[in-house]
């Protein structure tokens, strides 16, 4: 029986093995991370369309609140800063009136993982652009 040897670089074989082993190696830490998040009392996204198994944290909340503010037609999200510490969202910046401030606070409260919203730093812009 005649065998044929091909000139395949060693790194190509190594890369192929690594690519095939990666899904197996990554599956266990994801489950362990979910177990740690659950035992730490952290909420996890539950929406059916949500593909992430990552726990909700302050960075996620800040990003989600900001995105919701930017998407709202009745709130100027570009003028509102969002900061989150331990699930408490602080909104700061300027709004055109109290109704916009109230709407921004309501939007932030609807985001999963938000424990409370502080909107005391939202300032109503003075009429006349001053």
N, C-alpha and C. Protein backbone atom coordinates (compact mmCIF):
# COMPACT_ATOMS: atom_id res chain seq x y z
N UNK A 1 0.84 -1.16 0.00
CA UNK A 1 0.00 0.00 0.00
C UNK A 1 0.90 1.24 0.00
N UNK A 2 0.62 2.12 -0.94
CA UNK A 2 1.42 3.32 -1.08
C UNK A 2 0.74 4.47 -0.34
N UNK A 3 1.50 5.19 0.49
CA UNK A 3 0.95 6.36 1.19
C UNK A 3 1.51 7.62 0.57
N UNK A 4 0.68 8.63 0.54
CA UNK A 4 1.10 9.90 -0.03
C UNK A 4 1.19 10.92 1.10
N UNK A 5 2.26 11.64 1.13
CA UNK A 5 2.46 12.66 2.16
C UNK A 5 2.24 14.04 1.54
N UNK A 6 1.43 14.83 2.19
CA UNK A 6 1.20 16.19 1.69
C UNK A 6 2.00 17.16 2.54
N UNK A 7 2.36 18.25 1.95
CA UNK A 7 3.14 19.26 2.66
C UNK A 7 2.19 20.29 3.30
N UNK A 8 1.62 19.93 4.43
CA UNK A 8 0.74 20.82 5.17
C UNK A 8 1.55 21.43 6.30
N UNK A 9 1.55 22.75 6.39
CA UNK A 9 2.31 23.39 7.48
C UNK A 9 1.79 22.93 8.84
N UNK A 10 2.69 22.82 9.80
CA UNK A 10 2.33 22.37 11.14
C UNK A 10 1.30 23.29 11.79
N UNK A 11 1.39 24.57 11.53
CA UNK A 11 0.49 25.53 12.18
C UNK A 11 -0.95 25.40 11.67
N UNK A 12 -1.10 24.92 10.44
CA UNK A 12 -2.44 24.73 9.90
C UNK A 12 -3.15 23.60 10.63
N UNK A 13 -2.44 22.52 10.89
CA UNK A 13 -3.01 21.41 11.65
C UNK A 13 -3.36 21.83 13.07
N UNK A 14 -2.48 22.61 13.68
CA UNK A 14 -2.72 23.10 15.04
C UNK A 14 -3.95 24.01 15.08
N UNK A 15 -4.06 24.89 14.08
CA UNK A 15 -5.20 25.80 14.02
C UNK A 15 -6.50 25.03 13.85
N UNK A 16 -6.49 23.99 13.04
CA UNK A 16 -7.68 23.18 12.82
C UNK A 16 -8.11 22.48 14.11
N UNK A 17 -7.17 21.91 14.82
CA UNK A 17 -7.47 21.25 16.09
C UNK A 17 -8.04 22.26 17.09
N UNK A 18 -7.43 23.45 17.16
CA UNK A 18 -7.91 24.47 18.08
C UNK A 18 -9.32 24.93 17.73
N UNK A 19 -9.59 25.08 16.45
CA UNK A 19 -10.92 25.52 16.01
C UNK A 19 -11.99 24.48 16.34
N UNK A 20 -11.65 23.22 16.21
CA UNK A 20 -12.61 22.17 16.51
C UNK A 20 -12.81 21.98 18.01
N UNK A 21 -11.79 22.26 18.81
CA UNK A 21 -11.88 22.07 20.25
C UNK A 21 -12.49 23.27 20.95
N UNK A 22 -12.49 24.46 20.35
CA UNK A 22 -12.96 25.67 21.01
C UNK A 22 -14.41 25.59 21.49
N UNK A 23 -15.37 25.12 20.69
CA UNK A 23 -16.74 25.07 21.19
C UNK A 23 -16.90 24.19 22.43
N UNK A 24 -16.17 23.11 22.49
CA UNK A 24 -16.24 22.22 23.65
C UNK A 24 -15.65 22.91 24.86
N UNK A 25 -14.52 23.57 24.69
CA UNK A 25 -13.85 24.24 25.80
C UNK A 25 -14.65 25.43 26.31
N UNK A 26 -15.38 26.10 25.44
CA UNK A 26 -16.12 27.29 25.84
C UNK A 26 -17.47 26.97 26.47
N UNK A 27 -18.00 25.80 26.25
CA UNK A 27 -19.32 25.46 26.77
C UNK A 27 -19.33 25.36 28.28
N UNK A 28 -18.35 24.76 28.88
CA UNK A 28 -18.31 24.58 30.33
C UNK A 28 -18.18 25.90 31.08
N UNK A 29 -17.28 26.82 30.70
CA UNK A 29 -17.19 28.08 31.44
C UNK A 29 -18.47 28.91 31.37
N UNK A 30 -19.22 28.85 30.28
CA UNK A 30 -20.46 29.61 30.19
C UNK A 30 -21.45 29.10 31.23
N UNK A 31 -21.55 27.80 31.37
CA UNK A 31 -22.47 27.26 32.35
C UNK A 31 -22.01 27.59 33.76
N UNK A 32 -20.70 27.52 34.01
CA UNK A 32 -20.18 27.88 35.32
C UNK A 32 -20.45 29.34 35.62
N UNK A 33 -20.31 30.21 34.61
CA UNK A 33 -20.57 31.64 34.79
C UNK A 33 -22.02 31.89 35.13
N UNK A 34 -22.92 31.16 34.50
CA UNK A 34 -24.35 31.30 34.80
C UNK A 34 -24.63 30.87 36.23
N UNK A 35 -23.97 29.77 36.67
CA UNK A 35 -24.16 29.29 38.04
C UNK A 35 -23.64 30.32 39.03
N UNK A 36 -22.48 30.93 38.75
CA UNK A 36 -21.93 31.96 39.64
C UNK A 36 -22.84 33.18 39.68
N UNK A 37 -23.35 33.60 38.54
CA UNK A 37 -24.23 34.77 38.49
C UNK A 37 -25.50 34.52 39.30
N UNK A 38 -26.03 33.31 39.16
CA UNK A 38 -27.25 32.98 39.89
C UNK A 38 -26.98 32.96 41.39
N UNK A 39 -25.86 32.39 41.81
CA UNK A 39 -25.57 32.33 43.23
C UNK A 39 -25.20 33.70 43.79
N UNK A 40 -24.73 34.63 42.92
CA UNK A 40 -24.40 35.98 43.36
C UNK A 40 -25.63 36.88 43.36
N UNK A 41 -26.78 36.35 42.93
CA UNK A 41 -28.00 37.12 42.93
C UNK A 41 -28.13 38.04 41.74
N UNK A 42 -27.33 37.83 40.71
CA UNK A 42 -27.40 38.66 39.52
C UNK A 42 -28.47 38.11 38.59
N UNK A 43 -29.24 39.02 38.03
CA UNK A 43 -30.28 38.61 37.08
C UNK A 43 -29.64 38.28 35.75
N UNK A 44 -30.33 37.46 34.97
CA UNK A 44 -29.86 37.14 33.64
C UNK A 44 -30.94 37.48 32.64
N UNK A 45 -30.55 37.88 31.43
CA UNK A 45 -31.56 38.16 30.41
C UNK A 45 -32.44 36.95 30.18
N UNK A 46 -33.75 37.19 30.09
CA UNK A 46 -34.68 36.07 29.95
C UNK A 46 -35.47 36.12 28.66
N UNK A 47 -35.30 37.16 27.86
CA UNK A 47 -36.07 37.28 26.64
C UNK A 47 -35.73 36.13 25.71
N UNK A 48 -36.74 35.63 25.02
CA UNK A 48 -36.54 34.49 24.14
C UNK A 48 -35.55 34.80 23.03
N UNK A 49 -35.56 36.01 22.50
CA UNK A 49 -34.67 36.38 21.41
C UNK A 49 -33.28 36.77 21.86
N UNK A 50 -33.06 36.84 23.16
CA UNK A 50 -31.76 37.27 23.67
C UNK A 50 -30.80 36.09 23.64
N UNK A 51 -29.73 36.21 22.87
CA UNK A 51 -28.79 35.11 22.70
C UNK A 51 -27.70 35.08 23.77
N UNK A 52 -27.62 36.11 24.60
CA UNK A 52 -26.55 36.21 25.58
C UNK A 52 -26.90 35.50 26.87
N UNK A 53 -25.94 34.78 27.41
CA UNK A 53 -26.10 34.18 28.72
C UNK A 53 -25.37 34.99 29.78
N UNK A 54 -24.92 36.18 29.39
CA UNK A 54 -24.16 37.01 30.32
C UNK A 54 -25.09 37.62 31.36
N UNK A 55 -24.62 37.73 32.60
CA UNK A 55 -25.45 38.34 33.63
C UNK A 55 -25.61 39.84 33.38
N UNK A 56 -26.71 40.37 33.86
CA UNK A 56 -26.93 41.81 33.76
C UNK A 56 -26.03 42.48 34.79
N UNK A 57 -25.29 43.50 34.33
CA UNK A 57 -24.44 44.25 35.25
C UNK A 57 -24.65 45.74 34.98
N UNK A 58 -23.94 46.59 35.72
CA UNK A 58 -24.12 48.03 35.60
C UNK A 58 -23.81 48.54 34.20
N UNK A 59 -22.80 47.98 33.56
CA UNK A 59 -22.45 48.42 32.21
C UNK A 59 -23.57 48.09 31.24
N UNK A 60 -24.12 46.89 31.37
CA UNK A 60 -25.22 46.49 30.50
C UNK A 60 -26.42 47.41 30.72
N UNK A 61 -26.74 47.69 31.98
CA UNK A 61 -27.88 48.56 32.30
C UNK A 61 -27.67 49.95 31.71
N UNK A 62 -26.48 50.51 31.91
CA UNK A 62 -26.19 51.85 31.37
C UNK A 62 -26.37 51.88 29.87
N UNK A 63 -25.83 50.89 29.19
CA UNK A 63 -25.94 50.83 27.73
C UNK A 63 -27.39 50.69 27.28
N UNK A 64 -28.14 49.84 27.96
CA UNK A 64 -29.53 49.61 27.60
C UNK A 64 -30.38 50.86 27.84
N UNK A 65 -30.18 51.53 28.98
CA UNK A 65 -30.94 52.75 29.28
C UNK A 65 -30.63 53.81 28.23
N UNK A 66 -29.34 54.00 27.93
CA UNK A 66 -28.95 55.01 26.94
C UNK A 66 -29.57 54.69 25.58
N UNK A 67 -29.55 53.44 25.19
CA UNK A 67 -30.14 53.05 23.90
C UNK A 67 -31.64 53.32 23.88
N UNK A 68 -32.32 53.03 24.97
CA UNK A 68 -33.76 53.27 25.04
C UNK A 68 -34.06 54.77 24.99
N UNK A 69 -33.24 55.58 25.66
CA UNK A 69 -33.43 57.03 25.61
C UNK A 69 -33.21 57.57 24.20
N UNK A 70 -32.19 57.05 23.52
CA UNK A 70 -31.90 57.49 22.16
C UNK A 70 -33.02 57.08 21.20
N UNK A 71 -33.66 55.96 21.46
CA UNK A 71 -34.72 55.47 20.57
C UNK A 71 -36.06 56.17 20.81
N UNK A 72 -36.23 56.79 21.96
CA UNK A 72 -37.50 57.43 22.29
C UNK A 72 -37.69 58.71 21.48
N UNK A 73 -38.90 58.87 20.93
CA UNK A 73 -39.20 60.06 20.14
C UNK A 73 -39.39 61.30 21.02
N UNK A 74 -39.83 61.10 22.25
CA UNK A 74 -40.16 62.23 23.11
C UNK A 74 -39.07 62.60 24.11
N UNK A 75 -37.87 62.04 23.94
CA UNK A 75 -36.74 62.34 24.81
C UNK A 75 -35.51 62.56 23.94
N UNK A 76 -34.75 63.63 24.25
CA UNK A 76 -33.50 63.88 23.52
C UNK A 76 -32.38 63.16 24.26
N UNK A 77 -32.16 61.90 23.90
CA UNK A 77 -31.16 61.08 24.58
C UNK A 77 -29.74 61.58 24.46
N UNK A 78 -29.46 62.44 23.48
CA UNK A 78 -28.08 62.94 23.32
C UNK A 78 -27.71 63.93 24.42
N UNK A 79 -28.71 64.52 25.09
CA UNK A 79 -28.44 65.49 26.15
C UNK A 79 -28.52 64.90 27.55
N UNK A 80 -28.71 63.59 27.64
CA UNK A 80 -28.85 62.93 28.94
C UNK A 80 -27.71 61.94 29.13
N UNK A 81 -27.00 62.09 30.24
CA UNK A 81 -25.94 61.15 30.61
C UNK A 81 -26.52 60.11 31.55
N UNK A 82 -26.02 58.90 31.42
CA UNK A 82 -26.52 57.78 32.23
C UNK A 82 -25.34 57.15 32.97
N UNK A 83 -25.51 56.95 34.27
CA UNK A 83 -24.50 56.28 35.08
C UNK A 83 -25.23 55.27 35.96
N UNK A 84 -24.63 54.11 36.15
CA UNK A 84 -25.27 53.06 36.94
C UNK A 84 -24.29 52.52 37.97
N UNK A 85 -24.73 52.44 39.22
CA UNK A 85 -23.93 51.85 40.29
C UNK A 85 -24.84 50.92 41.08
N UNK A 86 -24.49 49.65 41.10
CA UNK A 86 -25.26 48.63 41.83
C UNK A 86 -26.75 48.65 41.47
N UNK A 87 -27.05 48.86 40.18
CA UNK A 87 -28.43 48.83 39.72
C UNK A 87 -29.17 50.14 39.88
N UNK A 88 -28.55 51.13 40.52
CA UNK A 88 -29.18 52.45 40.66
C UNK A 88 -28.71 53.33 39.52
N UNK A 89 -29.65 53.79 38.70
CA UNK A 89 -29.34 54.60 37.53
C UNK A 89 -29.45 56.08 37.91
N UNK A 90 -28.43 56.85 37.54
CA UNK A 90 -28.46 58.30 37.73
C UNK A 90 -28.49 58.95 36.36
N UNK A 91 -29.50 59.78 36.15
CA UNK A 91 -29.64 60.53 34.91
C UNK A 91 -29.21 61.96 35.17
N UNK A 92 -28.39 62.50 34.28
CA UNK A 92 -27.97 63.90 34.41
C UNK A 92 -27.91 64.52 33.03
N UNK A 93 -27.94 65.85 33.00
CA UNK A 93 -27.91 66.56 31.74
C UNK A 93 -29.07 67.53 31.67
N UNK A 94 -29.42 67.92 30.45
CA UNK A 94 -30.49 68.90 30.31
C UNK A 94 -31.65 68.33 29.50
N UNK A 95 -32.84 68.74 29.89
CA UNK A 95 -34.07 68.37 29.21
C UNK A 95 -34.86 69.65 28.94
N UNK A 96 -35.79 69.59 27.99
CA UNK A 96 -36.50 70.82 27.63
C UNK A 96 -37.59 71.18 28.64
N UNK A 97 -38.16 70.16 29.32
CA UNK A 97 -39.20 70.44 30.31
C UNK A 97 -39.33 69.27 31.28
N UNK A 98 -40.17 69.46 32.30
CA UNK A 98 -40.35 68.43 33.33
C UNK A 98 -40.93 67.15 32.73
N UNK A 99 -41.79 67.30 31.73
CA UNK A 99 -42.39 66.12 31.10
C UNK A 99 -41.31 65.23 30.48
N UNK A 100 -40.30 65.85 29.85
CA UNK A 100 -39.21 65.06 29.26
C UNK A 100 -38.40 64.37 30.35
N UNK A 101 -38.17 65.07 31.46
CA UNK A 101 -37.44 64.47 32.59
C UNK A 101 -38.21 63.27 33.15
N UNK A 102 -39.53 63.44 33.31
CA UNK A 102 -40.36 62.35 33.82
C UNK A 102 -40.37 61.16 32.87
N UNK A 103 -40.41 61.45 31.57
CA UNK A 103 -40.41 60.38 30.57
C UNK A 103 -39.07 59.63 30.59
N UNK A 104 -37.97 60.37 30.69
CA UNK A 104 -36.64 59.74 30.75
C UNK A 104 -36.54 58.82 31.97
N UNK A 105 -37.06 59.28 33.09
CA UNK A 105 -37.02 58.47 34.31
C UNK A 105 -37.86 57.21 34.13
N UNK A 106 -39.04 57.35 33.51
CA UNK A 106 -39.91 56.20 33.28
C UNK A 106 -39.25 55.18 32.35
N UNK A 107 -38.58 55.66 31.31
CA UNK A 107 -37.88 54.76 30.38
C UNK A 107 -36.80 53.99 31.12
N UNK A 108 -36.01 54.68 31.94
CA UNK A 108 -34.93 54.02 32.69
C UNK A 108 -35.49 52.97 33.64
N UNK A 109 -36.60 53.26 34.29
CA UNK A 109 -37.20 52.32 35.25
C UNK A 109 -37.64 51.02 34.59
N UNK A 110 -37.96 51.08 33.30
CA UNK A 110 -38.46 49.89 32.60
C UNK A 110 -37.36 48.92 32.19
N UNK A 111 -36.11 49.34 32.27
CA UNK A 111 -35.01 48.47 31.86
C UNK A 111 -34.77 47.41 32.92
N UNK A 112 -34.66 46.17 32.47
CA UNK A 112 -34.44 45.05 33.38
C UNK A 112 -33.15 45.25 34.17
N UNK A 113 -33.20 44.98 35.45
CA UNK A 113 -32.02 45.10 36.30
C UNK A 113 -31.94 46.41 37.05
N UNK A 114 -32.74 47.40 36.65
CA UNK A 114 -32.72 48.71 37.32
C UNK A 114 -33.47 48.60 38.64
N UNK A 115 -32.78 48.97 39.72
CA UNK A 115 -33.40 48.93 41.05
C UNK A 115 -34.07 50.26 41.37
N UNK A 116 -33.43 51.37 41.00
CA UNK A 116 -34.00 52.69 41.23
C UNK A 116 -33.39 53.67 40.24
N UNK A 117 -34.05 54.83 40.09
CA UNK A 117 -33.58 55.86 39.17
C UNK A 117 -33.54 57.19 39.90
N UNK A 118 -32.39 57.85 39.83
CA UNK A 118 -32.20 59.19 40.40
C UNK A 118 -32.13 60.17 39.24
N UNK A 119 -33.14 61.05 39.16
CA UNK A 119 -33.16 62.02 38.07
C UNK A 119 -32.97 63.45 38.59
N UNK A 120 -32.50 63.60 39.81
CA UNK A 120 -32.34 64.93 40.42
C UNK A 120 -31.33 65.79 39.64
N UNK A 121 -30.43 65.15 38.90
CA UNK A 121 -29.41 65.90 38.15
C UNK A 121 -29.85 66.27 36.75
N UNK A 122 -31.11 65.98 36.41
CA UNK A 122 -31.65 66.44 35.12
C UNK A 122 -32.13 67.86 35.29
N UNK A 123 -31.58 68.76 34.53
CA UNK A 123 -31.93 70.18 34.63
C UNK A 123 -32.79 70.60 33.45
N UNK A 124 -33.86 71.31 33.76
CA UNK A 124 -34.74 71.83 32.72
C UNK A 124 -34.07 73.06 32.11
N UNK A 125 -33.91 73.03 30.79
CA UNK A 125 -33.28 74.14 30.08
C UNK A 125 -34.16 75.38 30.19
N UNK A 126 -33.54 76.51 30.38
CA UNK A 126 -34.28 77.77 30.49
C UNK A 126 -34.76 78.19 29.11
N UNK A 127 -35.96 78.77 29.07
CA UNK A 127 -36.52 79.26 27.80
C UNK A 127 -35.64 80.38 27.26
N UNK A 128 -35.53 80.43 25.95
CA UNK A 128 -34.72 81.48 25.33
C UNK A 128 -33.29 81.06 25.08
N UNK A 129 -32.95 79.78 25.32
CA UNK A 129 -31.62 79.24 25.00
C UNK A 129 -30.53 79.73 25.91
N UNK A 130 -30.85 80.22 27.11
CA UNK A 130 -29.86 80.80 27.99
C UNK A 130 -29.31 79.85 28.95
